[in-house]
C-alpha cells in the first residue's frame, strides 16, 4: 500500500523553509519520496516517518515524527496451469501470486469432485485424472507476515483417455 504524508506548519506567508521526508525502519520497512512524502509499504511492521523543515530567516528548523503501522496486505492467486486432462493423464498445477516482497505463504492443493474424478498431491499440486467429467482444483495460500491468506479455484475438464489393445492369445 501507499499514502502521501501531509504536514502543516505554523510558519506564515509560505515561510519556514523546505519540508523533506525520511523513513526510519523499525520492525517493518517502507520507502518515501523525500520531496513529496509519498510512502510505499515494503514489509509489514512499524516504521517512523520524519518530516523536517530547513528553517529560513524567519523560522528555526523543525522536525516531527509519526509511527506508521504497516499491516499484511491482500494477495491474489492465479492458477496458470492447463484446465484440461484426459483420463490417466497428469499435470502439475502452476500458481502465481501478486505477493512481491515475500512468498505470500505456503501453497496447498485440493480437488473438489464433480462429475469427474481426480487426485492431487496437497503439497506439490501433482494432479492425476481418474474419471471423465469436471472437477475443481482449489489452491490455498496460508499468507505470511506481509500478505493475508488467499484462495483460487479452477475447473478442470477431464476427457475420455485413449486406450491401447494388445492381442495376447496364440
Protein backbone atom coordinates (compact mmCIF):
# COMPACT_ATOMS: atom_id res chain seq x y z
CA UNK A 1 0.00 0.00 0.00
CA UNK A 2 0.94 3.62 -0.15
CA UNK A 3 -0.02 7.04 1.21
CA UNK A 4 1.06 10.63 0.85
CA UNK A 5 2.17 12.29 4.07
CA UNK A 6 0.94 15.81 4.70
CA UNK A 7 2.42 18.31 7.13
CA UNK A 8 1.00 21.56 8.46
CA UNK A 9 3.28 24.33 9.69
CA UNK A 10 2.70 27.35 11.93
CA UNK A 11 5.02 29.35 9.67
CA UNK A 12 3.10 32.08 7.87
CA UNK A 13 3.36 33.53 4.38
CA UNK A 14 4.97 30.41 2.85
CA UNK A 15 7.92 30.80 5.19
CA UNK A 16 9.63 28.15 7.30
CA UNK A 17 11.87 26.55 4.72
CA UNK A 18 11.75 23.44 2.61
CA UNK A 19 9.98 20.41 4.13
CA UNK A 20 11.51 16.99 3.40
CA UNK A 21 10.59 13.47 4.46
CA UNK A 22 12.51 10.40 5.61
CA UNK A 23 11.80 6.91 6.96
CA UNK A 24 13.44 5.14 9.89
CA UNK A 25 12.98 1.38 9.67
CA UNK A 26 11.58 -0.45 12.65
CA UNK A 27 10.09 -3.91 12.56
CA UNK A 28 8.74 -3.08 9.07
CA UNK A 29 10.09 -1.20 6.10
CA UNK A 30 8.89 1.42 3.64
CA UNK A 31 10.26 3.91 1.15
CA UNK A 32 9.44 7.60 0.92
CA UNK A 33 9.95 10.23 -1.75
CA UNK A 34 11.84 12.89 0.25
CA UNK A 35 10.28 15.76 -1.68
CA UNK A 36 6.64 14.65 -2.00
CA UNK A 37 6.15 12.49 1.10
CA UNK A 38 4.80 9.59 -0.98
CA UNK A 39 5.25 6.50 1.25
CA UNK A 40 5.22 2.94 -0.12
CA UNK A 41 4.98 -0.02 2.28
CA UNK A 42 7.53 -2.79 1.68
CA UNK A 43 7.23 -5.11 4.70
CA UNK A 44 4.66 -5.25 7.49
CA UNK A 45 5.53 -3.92 10.95
CA UNK A 46 6.22 -0.35 12.04
CA UNK A 47 8.32 2.46 10.59
CA UNK A 48 8.85 6.05 11.66
CA UNK A 49 8.06 8.84 9.21
CA UNK A 50 10.09 12.01 9.79
CA UNK A 51 9.19 15.40 8.33
CA UNK A 52 11.81 18.15 8.62
CA UNK A 53 11.79 21.83 7.77
CA UNK A 54 15.10 23.52 6.99
CA UNK A 55 14.02 26.81 8.54
CA UNK A 56 14.64 30.20 6.99
CA UNK A 57 15.37 33.78 8.02
CA UNK A 58 12.00 33.98 9.91
CA UNK A 59 11.76 30.48 11.43
CA UNK A 60 14.09 27.94 13.02
CA UNK A 61 14.43 24.38 11.62
CA UNK A 62 11.84 21.92 12.92
CA UNK A 63 11.06 18.23 12.65
CA UNK A 64 8.31 15.86 13.71
CA UNK A 65 7.89 12.10 13.56
CA UNK A 66 4.98 9.70 13.37
CA UNK A 67 4.88 5.92 13.71
CA UNK A 68 3.22 4.18 10.78
CA UNK A 69 1.83 0.69 11.28
CA UNK A 70 2.02 -1.45 8.12
CA UNK A 71 -0.35 -4.40 8.14
CA UNK A 72 -0.34 -7.51 5.98
CA UNK A 73 -1.77 -6.77 2.55
CA UNK A 74 -4.01 -8.77 0.26
CA UNK A 75 -2.65 -11.09 -2.39
CA UNK A 76 -4.29 -12.64 -5.42
CA UNK A 77 -3.58 -16.20 -6.52
CA UNK A 78 -3.96 -17.18 -10.17
CA UNK A 79 -3.87 -20.78 -11.38
CA UNK A 80 -1.88 -20.71 -14.62
CA UNK A 81 -1.74 -24.43 -15.48
CA UNK A 82 -3.89 -26.15 -18.12
CA UNK A 83 -7.56 -26.79 -17.36
CA UNK A 84 -7.99 -29.95 -19.44
CA UNK A 85 -6.77 -33.51 -18.94
CA UNK A 86 -7.54 -36.98 -20.24
CA UNK A 87 -8.28 -39.99 -18.03
CA UNK A 88 -4.93 -41.44 -16.99
CA UNK A 89 -3.17 -38.14 -17.71
CA UNK A 90 -1.49 -35.87 -15.22
CA UNK A 91 -0.15 -32.36 -14.76
CA UNK A 92 1.36 -30.24 -12.02
CA UNK A 93 -0.69 -27.20 -11.01
CA UNK A 94 1.05 -23.88 -11.56
CA UNK A 95 0.09 -20.87 -9.47
CA UNK A 96 1.20 -17.23 -9.49
CA UNK A 97 0.69 -14.67 -6.74
CA UNK A 98 0.71 -10.90 -6.53
CA UNK A 99 2.88 -11.17 -3.39
CA UNK A 100 6.04 -9.24 -4.18
CA UNK A 101 8.19 -8.78 -1.09
CA UNK A 102 7.85 -12.37 0.14
CA UNK A 103 6.42 -15.71 -0.93
CA UNK A 104 2.88 -14.93 0.22
CA UNK A 105 2.82 -18.13 2.27
CA UNK A 106 2.74 -21.87 1.75
CA UNK A 107 0.53 -23.23 -1.03
CA UNK A 108 -1.71 -26.27 -0.66
CA UNK A 109 -3.90 -28.03 -3.21
CA UNK A 110 -7.20 -29.91 -3.08
CA UNK A 111 -9.67 -31.38 -5.59
CA UNK A 112 -13.41 -30.99 -5.21
CA UNK A 113 -15.14 -33.84 -7.00
CA UNK A 114 -17.75 -33.04 -9.59
CA UNK A 115 -18.95 -35.16 -12.47
CA UNK A 116 -15.35 -36.41 -12.89
CA UNK A 117 -12.67 -37.55 -10.50
CA UNK A 118 -9.01 -36.85 -9.93
CA UNK A 119 -6.41 -36.90 -7.19
CA UNK A 120 -3.95 -34.16 -6.25
CA UNK A 121 -0.86 -34.15 -4.06
CA UNK A 122 -1.67 -31.44 -1.49
CA UNK A 123 1.93 -30.21 -1.36
CA UNK A 124 3.21 -30.48 -4.95
CA UNK A 125 -0.04 -29.91 -6.86
CA UNK A 126 0.51 -33.05 -8.99
CA UNK A 127 -2.92 -33.95 -10.45
CA UNK A 128 -3.87 -37.37 -11.84
CA UNK A 129 -7.13 -37.71 -13.80
CA UNK A 130 -9.17 -40.81 -12.85
CA UNK A 131 -12.67 -40.40 -14.34
CA UNK A 132 -14.03 -38.19 -17.14
CA UNK A 133 -16.13 -35.12 -16.32
CA UNK A 134 -15.31 -31.99 -14.35
CA UNK A 135 -13.51 -31.38 -11.06
CA UNK A 136 -12.46 -28.19 -9.28
CA UNK A 137 -8.87 -27.52 -8.26
CA UNK A 138 -8.63 -25.39 -5.09
CA UNK A 139 -5.33 -23.67 -4.26
CA UNK A 140 -4.86 -22.01 -0.88
CA UNK A 141 -2.04 -19.80 0.39
CA UNK A 142 -1.50 -19.59 4.15
CA UNK A 143 -0.35 -15.98 3.96
CA UNK A 144 2.75 -14.75 5.75
CA UNK A 145 3.96 -11.74 7.71
CA UNK A 146 3.41 -9.46 4.69
CA UNK A 147 0.38 -10.99 2.98
CA UNK A 148 -3.03 -12.26 4.01
CA UNK A 149 -4.18 -15.80 3.12
CA UNK A 150 -5.72 -16.27 -0.34
CA UNK A 151 -7.61 -18.89 -2.31
CA UNK A 152 -8.12 -19.59 -6.02
CA UNK A 153 -10.05 -22.22 -7.95
CA UNK A 154 -10.11 -23.59 -11.47
CA UNK A 155 -12.50 -26.01 -13.14
CA UNK A 156 -10.66 -28.84 -14.86
CA UNK A 157 -12.35 -30.78 -17.64
CA UNK A 158 -11.30 -34.43 -17.86
CA UNK A 159 -11.92 -36.12 -21.21
CA UNK A 160 -12.01 -39.81 -22.04
CA UNK A 161 -8.49 -41.12 -22.41
CA UNK A 162 -7.05 -43.22 -25.21
CA UNK A 163 -6.58 -46.93 -24.70
CA UNK A 164 -4.38 -49.47 -26.40
CA UNK A 165 -5.43 -53.05 -27.14
CA UNK A 166 -2.95 -55.89 -27.42
CA UNK A 167 -3.78 -59.41 -28.54
CA UNK A 168 -2.07 -61.80 -26.21
CA UNK A 169 -3.51 -65.15 -27.34
CA UNK A 170 -1.57 -67.53 -29.52
